[in-house]
Amino acid sequence: MKKNVLIGLIVVFAFYGILYFWNREEKTMKKHPTIHSSAAKPDDFLLEAKDYEEMKRHDKSVYSIEQAIQSIWGLENDVDDESFERLEQTISKLEKVHRRILRDSIPSEELLTAFEYALGNLAHAELEVAEKYSKSNQTAEAKAALKYAQVHIKNALLLHQADDSTKSTELHLLKEMDSLFSLKSLSDPKNTEVLDHLIKEVDELITRVDQN
């Protein structure tokens, strides 16, 4: 009898323990979406929109773009003022693509460029977040933001068609980010300098993409 009661108590405590940690994780995710899986949602929707456009499924494509915009809105409360403005510009560009598809169609090159521009700005925002956390000695959070910056650059590389300086820059950025993941701490001034340099490189990359 006592054994059954003990087992019952263990099950109850385990259940409430799991529930507690799950609720805490959910709250953290909502408060800081840039360091959780929600940070990669815009990528999923943009790549989905690209695939639908290739299949001439314009209705599905515009819906995926709408979802991408909503996902970006969800990230805006977790970034600094400069990144917020960049994401607003990104949304504006995506809305133009959305209107073009609704009215008629859009050349594949323009669509891919707009999406690559969006991913570049998302990477820029994540690197800013990574730098903020690195300066406050929060390496786990900094690496999480860095991971999503890398996701954005990898997907931008998937969208980039030409074998040019932009592609070379994206490959270089991925390599530099990989080198940071191997470090135990990102709070060292030398490492924050590397992050700052990466931010400048992504800024130049975005400008180059936007001029295409």
C-alpha atoms as a PDB file:
ATOM      1  CA  MET A   1       0.000   0.000   0.000  1.00  0.00           C
ATOM      2  CA  LYS A   2       2.745   2.436   1.028  1.00  0.00           C
ATOM      3  CA  LYS A   3       4.661   1.519  -2.106  1.00  0.00           C
ATOM      4  CA  ASN A   4       1.655   2.382  -4.305  1.00  0.00           C
ATOM      5  CA  VAL A   5       1.219   5.729  -2.530  1.00  0.00           C
ATOM      6  CA  LEU A   6       4.914   6.512  -3.010  1.00  0.00           C
ATOM      7  CA  ILE A   7       4.749   5.658  -6.718  1.00  0.00           C
ATOM      8  CA  GLY A   8       1.645   7.821  -7.048  1.00  0.00           C
ATOM      9  CA  LEU A   9       3.395  10.775  -5.401  1.00  0.00           C
ATOM     10  CA  ILE A  10       6.439  10.345  -7.655  1.00  0.00           C
ATOM     11  CA  VAL A  11       4.207  10.370 -10.743  1.00  0.00           C
ATOM     12  CA  VAL A  12       2.366  13.506  -9.542  1.00  0.00           C
ATOM     13  CA  PHE A  13       5.604  15.356  -8.728  1.00  0.00           C
ATOM     14  CA  ALA A  14       7.115  14.287 -12.063  1.00  0.00           C
ATOM     15  CA  PHE A  15       4.048  15.522 -13.939  1.00  0.00           C
ATOM     16  CA  TYR A  16       4.039  18.922 -12.227  1.00  0.00           C
ATOM     17  CA  GLY A  17       7.805  19.181 -12.615  1.00  0.00           C
ATOM     18  CA  ILE A  18       7.542  18.652 -16.371  1.00  0.00           C
ATOM     19  CA  LEU A  19       4.629  21.089 -16.533  1.00  0.00           C
ATOM     20  CA  TYR A  20       6.616  23.721 -14.618  1.00  0.00           C
ATOM     21  CA  PHE A  21       9.658  23.516 -16.894  1.00  0.00           C
ATOM     22  CA  TRP A  22       7.469  23.428 -20.007  1.00  0.00           C
ATOM     23  CA  ASN A  23       5.608  26.580 -18.903  1.00  0.00           C
ATOM     24  CA  ARG A  24       8.885  28.311 -18.074  1.00  0.00           C
ATOM     25  CA  GLU A  25      10.276  27.404 -21.500  1.00  0.00           C
ATOM     26  CA  GLU A  26       7.099  28.660 -23.188  1.00  0.00           C
ATOM     27  CA  LYS A  27       7.316  31.993 -21.355  1.00  0.00           C
ATOM     28  CA  THR A  28      10.987  32.364 -22.264  1.00  0.00           C
ATOM     29  CA  MET A  29      10.216  31.533 -25.892  1.00  0.00           C
ATOM     30  CA  LYS A  30       7.530  34.205 -26.060  1.00  0.00           C
ATOM     31  CA  LYS A  31       9.733  36.772 -24.348  1.00  0.00           C
ATOM     32  CA  HIS A  32      12.895  36.008 -26.347  1.00  0.00           C
ATOM     33  CA  PRO A  33      11.851  34.450 -29.683  1.00  0.00           C
ATOM     34  CA  THR A  34      15.202  35.295 -31.313  1.00  0.00           C
ATOM     35  CA  ILE A  35      16.929  32.512 -29.375  1.00  0.00           C
ATOM     36  CA  HIS A  36      14.281  29.827 -29.889  1.00  0.00           C
ATOM     37  CA  SER A  37      12.986  27.808 -32.837  1.00  0.00           C
ATOM     38  CA  SER A  38      10.524  30.574 -33.761  1.00  0.00           C
ATOM     39  CA  ALA A  39      13.541  32.499 -35.098  1.00  0.00           C
ATOM     40  CA  ALA A  40      13.742  30.069 -38.032  1.00  0.00           C
ATOM     41  CA  LYS A  41      10.053  30.225 -38.970  1.00  0.00           C
ATOM     42  CA  PRO A  42      10.445  33.064 -41.512  1.00  0.00           C
ATOM     43  CA  ASP A  43      12.992  30.940 -43.374  1.00  0.00           C
ATOM     44  CA  ASP A  44      10.613  27.989 -43.574  1.00  0.00           C
ATOM     45  CA  PHE A  45       7.808  30.124 -44.963  1.00  0.00           C
ATOM     46  CA  LEU A  46      10.015  31.957 -47.485  1.00  0.00           C
ATOM     47  CA  LEU A  47      11.480  28.730 -48.834  1.00  0.00           C
ATOM     48  CA  GLU A  48       7.955  27.323 -48.966  1.00  0.00           C
ATOM     49  CA  ALA A  49       6.790  30.395 -50.935  1.00  0.00           C
ATOM     50  CA  LYS A  50       9.664  29.924 -53.391  1.00  0.00           C
ATOM     51  CA  ASP A  51       8.675  26.307 -53.983  1.00  0.00           C
ATOM     52  CA  TYR A  52       5.014  27.233 -54.504  1.00  0.00           C
ATOM     53  CA  GLU A  53       5.970  29.930 -57.011  1.00  0.00           C
ATOM     54  CA  GLU A  54       8.000  27.397 -58.971  1.00  0.00           C
ATOM     55  CA  MET A  55       4.889  25.196 -59.062  1.00  0.00           C
ATOM     56  CA  LYS A  56       2.753  28.224 -60.144  1.00  0.00           C
ATOM     57  CA  ARG A  57       0.721  27.839 -56.948  1.00  0.00           C
ATOM     58  CA  HIS A  58       0.405  31.593 -56.456  1.00  0.00           C
ATOM     59  CA  ASP A  59      -2.358  31.306 -53.847  1.00  0.00           C
ATOM     60  CA  LYS A  60      -0.157  29.123 -51.682  1.00  0.00           C
ATOM     61  CA  SER A  61       2.855  31.339 -52.295  1.00  0.00           C
ATOM     62  CA  VAL A  62       1.162  34.537 -51.099  1.00  0.00           C
ATOM     63  CA  TYR A  63      -0.145  32.732 -48.020  1.00  0.00           C
ATOM     64  CA  SER A  64       3.378  31.572 -47.142  1.00  0.00           C
ATOM     65  CA  ILE A  65       4.671  35.128 -47.557  1.00  0.00           C
ATOM     66  CA  GLU A  66       1.928  36.352 -45.207  1.00  0.00           C
ATOM     67  CA  GLN A  67       3.035  33.743 -42.677  1.00  0.00           C
ATOM     68  CA  ALA A  68       6.671  34.815 -43.071  1.00  0.00           C
ATOM     69  CA  ILE A  69       5.707  38.437 -42.377  1.00  0.00           C
ATOM     70  CA  GLN A  70       3.777  37.438 -39.275  1.00  0.00           C
ATOM     71  CA  SER A  71       6.766  35.427 -38.072  1.00  0.00           C
ATOM     72  CA  ILE A  72       9.027  38.451 -38.500  1.00  0.00           C
ATOM     73  CA  TRP A  73       6.549  40.587 -36.544  1.00  0.00           C
ATOM     74  CA  GLY A  74       6.929  38.084 -33.725  1.00  0.00           C
ATOM     75  CA  LEU A  75      10.686  38.709 -33.605  1.00  0.00           C
ATOM     76  CA  GLU A  76      10.543  42.508 -33.661  1.00  0.00           C
ATOM     77  CA  ASN A  77       9.912  42.931 -29.927  1.00  0.00           C
ATOM     78  CA  ASP A  78      13.149  41.099 -29.141  1.00  0.00           C
ATOM     79  CA  VAL A  79      15.593  43.253 -31.149  1.00  0.00           C
ATOM     80  CA  ASP A  80      17.168  46.692 -30.818  1.00  0.00           C
ATOM     81  CA  ASP A  81      15.905  49.817 -32.613  1.00  0.00           C
ATOM     82  CA  GLU A  82      18.227  49.489 -35.606  1.00  0.00           C
ATOM     83  CA  SER A  83      17.274  45.854 -36.187  1.00  0.00           C
ATOM     84  CA  PHE A  84      13.613  46.762 -35.771  1.00  0.00           C
ATOM     85  CA  GLU A  85      13.916  49.318 -38.586  1.00  0.00           C
ATOM     86  CA  ARG A  86      15.711  46.792 -40.773  1.00  0.00           C
ATOM     87  CA  LEU A  87      12.984  44.217 -40.191  1.00  0.00           C
ATOM     88  CA  GLU A  88      10.343  46.828 -41.006  1.00  0.00           C
ATOM     89  CA  GLN A  89      12.131  47.464 -44.316  1.00  0.00           C
ATOM     90  CA  THR A  90      12.207  43.713 -44.872  1.00  0.00           C
ATOM     91  CA  ILE A  91       8.466  43.438 -44.282  1.00  0.00           C
ATOM     92  CA  SER A  92       7.857  46.338 -46.675  1.00  0.00           C
ATOM     93  CA  LYS A  93       9.838  44.549 -49.390  1.00  0.00           C
ATOM     94  CA  LEU A  94       7.991  41.277 -48.786  1.00  0.00           C
ATOM     95  CA  GLU A  95       4.659  43.106 -48.960  1.00  0.00           C
ATOM     96  CA  LYS A  96       5.640  44.462 -52.388  1.00  0.00           C
ATOM     97  CA  VAL A  97       6.422  40.929 -53.562  1.00  0.00           C
ATOM     98  CA  HIS A  98       3.078  39.812 -52.135  1.00  0.00           C
ATOM     99  CA  ARG A  99       1.223  42.521 -54.103  1.00  0.00           C
ATOM    100  CA  ARG A 100       3.107  41.696 -57.319  1.00  0.00           C
ATOM    101  CA  ILE A 101       2.086  38.047 -57.118  1.00  0.00           C
ATOM    102  CA  LEU A 102      -1.530  38.939 -56.366  1.00  0.00           C
ATOM    103  CA  ARG A 103      -1.737  41.361 -59.314  1.00  0.00           C
ATOM    104  CA  ASP A 104       0.055  39.230 -61.863  1.00  0.00           C
ATOM    105  CA  SER A 105       3.404  37.549 -61.233  1.00  0.00           C
ATOM    106  CA  ILE A 106       6.995  38.342 -60.362  1.00  0.00           C
ATOM    107  CA  PRO A 107      10.208  37.254 -62.120  1.00  0.00           C
ATOM    108  CA  SER A 108      11.988  34.479 -60.265  1.00  0.00           C
ATOM    109  CA  GLU A 109      15.164  36.590 -59.893  1.00  0.00           C
ATOM    110  CA  GLU A 110      13.276  39.398 -58.141  1.00  0.00           C
ATOM    111  CA  LEU A 111      11.549  36.967 -55.812  1.00  0.00           C
ATOM    112  CA  LEU A 112      14.801  35.267 -54.826  1.00  0.00           C
ATOM    113  CA  THR A 113      16.561  38.607 -54.331  1.00  0.00           C
ATOM    114  CA  ALA A 114      13.780  39.884 -52.063  1.00  0.00           C
ATOM    115  CA  PHE A 115      13.893  36.689 -50.009  1.00  0.00           C
ATOM    116  CA  GLU A 116      17.698  36.778 -49.807  1.00  0.00           C
ATOM    117  CA  TYR A 117      17.487  40.395 -48.639  1.00  0.00           C
ATOM    118  CA  ALA A 118      14.998  39.351 -45.937  1.00  0.00           C
ATOM    119  CA  LEU A 119      17.236  36.540 -44.711  1.00  0.00           C
ATOM    120  CA  GLY A 120      20.228  38.880 -44.642  1.00  0.00           C
ATOM    121  CA  ASN A 121      18.387  41.302 -42.381  1.00  0.00           C
ATOM    122  CA  LEU A 122      17.238  38.465 -40.149  1.00  0.00           C
ATOM    123  CA  ALA A 123      20.858  37.289 -39.853  1.00  0.00           C
ATOM    124  CA  HIS A 124      21.931  40.847 -39.039  1.00  0.00           C
ATOM    125  CA  ALA A 125      19.321  41.057 -36.259  1.00  0.00           C
ATOM    126  CA  GLU A 126      20.416  37.717 -34.783  1.00  0.00           C
ATOM    127  CA  LEU A 127      24.079  38.761 -34.781  1.00  0.00           C
ATOM    128  CA  GLU A 128      23.135  41.942 -32.919  1.00  0.00           C
ATOM    129  CA  VAL A 129      21.336  39.768 -30.364  1.00  0.00           C
ATOM    130  CA  ALA A 130      24.363  37.452 -30.141  1.00  0.00           C
ATOM    131  CA  GLU A 131      26.655  40.410 -29.523  1.00  0.00           C
ATOM    132  CA  LYS A 132      24.361  41.740 -26.786  1.00  0.00           C
ATOM    133  CA  TYR A 133      24.387  38.415 -24.964  1.00  0.00           C
ATOM    134  CA  SER A 134      28.124  37.931 -25.432  1.00  0.00           C
ATOM    135  CA  LYS A 135      28.809  41.287 -23.758  1.00  0.00           C
ATOM    136  CA  SER A 136      26.745  40.231 -20.739  1.00  0.00           C
ATOM    137  CA  ASN A 137      28.577  36.885 -20.526  1.00  0.00           C
ATOM    138  CA  GLN A 138      25.521  34.839 -21.540  1.00  0.00           C
ATOM    139  CA  THR A 139      27.292  32.461 -23.885  1.00  0.00           C
ATOM    140  CA  ALA A 140      24.452  29.924 -24.259  1.00  0.00           C
ATOM    141  CA  GLU A 141      22.049  32.659 -25.378  1.00  0.00           C
ATOM    142  CA  ALA A 142      24.691  34.249 -27.613  1.00  0.00           C
ATOM    143  CA  LYS A 143      25.361  30.918 -29.327  1.00  0.00           C
ATOM    144  CA  ALA A 144      21.628  30.321 -29.769  1.00  0.00           C
ATOM    145  CA  ALA A 145      21.271  33.656 -31.579  1.00  0.00           C
ATOM    146  CA  LEU A 146      24.423  32.882 -33.568  1.00  0.00           C
ATOM    147  CA  LYS A 147      22.942  29.530 -34.575  1.00  0.00           C
ATOM    148  CA  TYR A 148      19.878  31.206 -36.067  1.00  0.00           C
ATOM    149  CA  ALA A 149      22.026  33.833 -37.794  1.00  0.00           C
ATOM    150  CA  GLN A 150      23.818  30.922 -39.431  1.00  0.00           C
ATOM    151  CA  VAL A 151      20.500  29.332 -40.414  1.00  0.00           C
ATOM    152  CA  HIS A 152      19.487  32.548 -42.171  1.00  0.00           C
ATOM    153  CA  ILE A 153      22.787  32.769 -44.063  1.00  0.00           C
ATOM    154  CA  LYS A 154      22.627  29.092 -45.070  1.00  0.00           C
ATOM    155  CA  ASN A 155      19.147  29.617 -46.506  1.00  0.00           C
ATOM    156  CA  ALA A 156      20.235  32.837 -48.219  1.00  0.00           C
ATOM    157  CA  LEU A 157      22.981  30.785 -49.845  1.00  0.00           C
ATOM    158  CA  LEU A 158      20.368  28.300 -51.071  1.00  0.00           C
ATOM    159  CA  LEU A 159      18.509  31.158 -52.753  1.00  0.00           C
ATOM    160  CA  HIS A 160      21.577  32.762 -54.322  1.00  0.00           C
ATOM    161  CA  GLN A 161      21.982  31.585 -57.890  1.00  0.00           C
ATOM    162  CA  ALA A 162      25.195  33.242 -59.120  1.00  0.00           C
ATOM    163  CA  ASP A 163      28.719  32.112 -58.313  1.00  0.00           C
ATOM    164  CA  ASP A 164      29.984  35.572 -57.359  1.00  0.00           C
ATOM    165  CA  SER A 165      31.338  37.715 -54.501  1.00  0.00           C
ATOM    166  CA  THR A 166      27.997  37.542 -52.670  1.00  0.00           C
ATOM    167  CA  LYS A 167      28.154  33.756 -52.586  1.00  0.00           C
ATOM    168  CA  SER A 168      31.796  33.919 -51.445  1.00  0.00           C
ATOM    169  CA  THR A 169      30.837  36.289 -48.624  1.00  0.00           C
ATOM    170  CA  GLU A 170      28.018  34.020 -47.469  1.00  0.00           C
ATOM    171  CA  LEU A 171      30.362  31.011 -47.399  1.00  0.00           C
ATOM    172  CA  HIS A 172      32.947  33.057 -45.498  1.00  0.00           C
ATOM    173  CA  LEU A 173      30.339  34.147 -42.945  1.00  0.00           C
ATOM    174  CA  LEU A 174      29.327  30.538 -42.306  1.00  0.00           C
ATOM    175  CA  LYS A 175      32.964  29.578 -41.736  1.00  0.00           C
ATOM    176  CA  GLU A 176      33.515  32.461 -39.304  1.00  0.00           C
ATOM    177  CA  MET A 177      30.381  31.556 -37.361  1.00  0.00           C
ATOM    178  CA  ASP A 178      31.502  27.936 -37.123  1.00  0.00           C
ATOM    179  CA  SER A 179      34.765  29.074 -35.506  1.00  0.00           C
ATOM    180  CA  LEU A 180      32.805  30.876 -32.758  1.00  0.00           C
ATOM    181  CA  PHE A 181      30.723  27.806 -31.853  1.00  0.00           C
ATOM    182  CA  SER A 182      33.852  25.944 -30.748  1.00  0.00           C
ATOM    183  CA  LEU A 183      34.675  28.562 -28.086  1.00  0.00           C
ATOM    184  CA  LYS A 184      33.682  28.017 -24.459  1.00  0.00           C
ATOM    185  CA  SER A 185      32.854  31.697 -23.946  1.00  0.00           C
ATOM    186  CA  LEU A 186      32.019  34.552 -26.303  1.00  0.00           C
ATOM    187  CA  SER A 187      32.446  37.280 -23.696  1.00  0.00           C
ATOM    188  CA  ASP A 188      36.135  37.852 -24.424  1.00  0.00           C
ATOM    189  CA  PRO A 189      36.569  41.273 -26.128  1.00  0.00           C
ATOM    190  CA  LYS A 190      38.330  39.584 -29.048  1.00  0.00           C
ATOM    191  CA  ASN A 191      35.256  37.437 -29.678  1.00  0.00           C
ATOM    192  CA  THR A 192      32.837  40.339 -29.434  1.00  0.00           C
ATOM    193  CA  GLU A 193      35.052  42.107 -31.963  1.00  0.00           C
ATOM    194  CA  VAL A 194      34.622  39.128 -34.298  1.00  0.00           C
ATOM    195  CA  LEU A 195      30.849  39.384 -33.886  1.00  0.00           C
ATOM    196  CA  ASP A 196      30.988  43.108 -34.589  1.00  0.00           C
ATOM    197  CA  HIS A 197      32.987  42.438 -37.739  1.00  0.00           C
ATOM    198  CA  LEU A 198      30.463  39.805 -38.841  1.00  0.00           C
ATOM    199  CA  ILE A 199      27.660  42.340 -38.370  1.00  0.00           C
ATOM    200  CA  LYS A 200      29.491  44.789 -40.646  1.00  0.00           C
ATOM    201  CA  GLU A 201      30.063  42.065 -43.250  1.00  0.00           C
ATOM    202  CA  VAL A 202      26.368  41.120 -43.236  1.00  0.00           C
ATOM    203  CA  ASP A 203      25.484  44.801 -43.562  1.00  0.00           C
ATOM    204  CA  GLU A 204      27.656  45.033 -46.686  1.00  0.00           C
ATOM    205  CA  LEU A 205      26.125  41.802 -47.975  1.00  0.00           C
ATOM    206  CA  ILE A 206      22.590  43.162 -47.580  1.00  0.00           C
ATOM    207  CA  THR A 207      23.536  46.340 -49.462  1.00  0.00           C
ATOM    208  CA  ARG A 208      24.990  44.256 -52.291  1.00  0.00           C
ATOM    209  CA  VAL A 209      21.899  42.045 -52.505  1.00  0.00           C
ATOM    210  CA  ASP A 210      19.610  45.080 -52.452  1.00  0.00           C
ATOM    211  CA  GLN A 211      21.446  46.637 -55.376  1.00  0.00           C
ATOM    212  CA  ASN A 212      20.890  43.599 -57.603  1.00  0.00           C
END
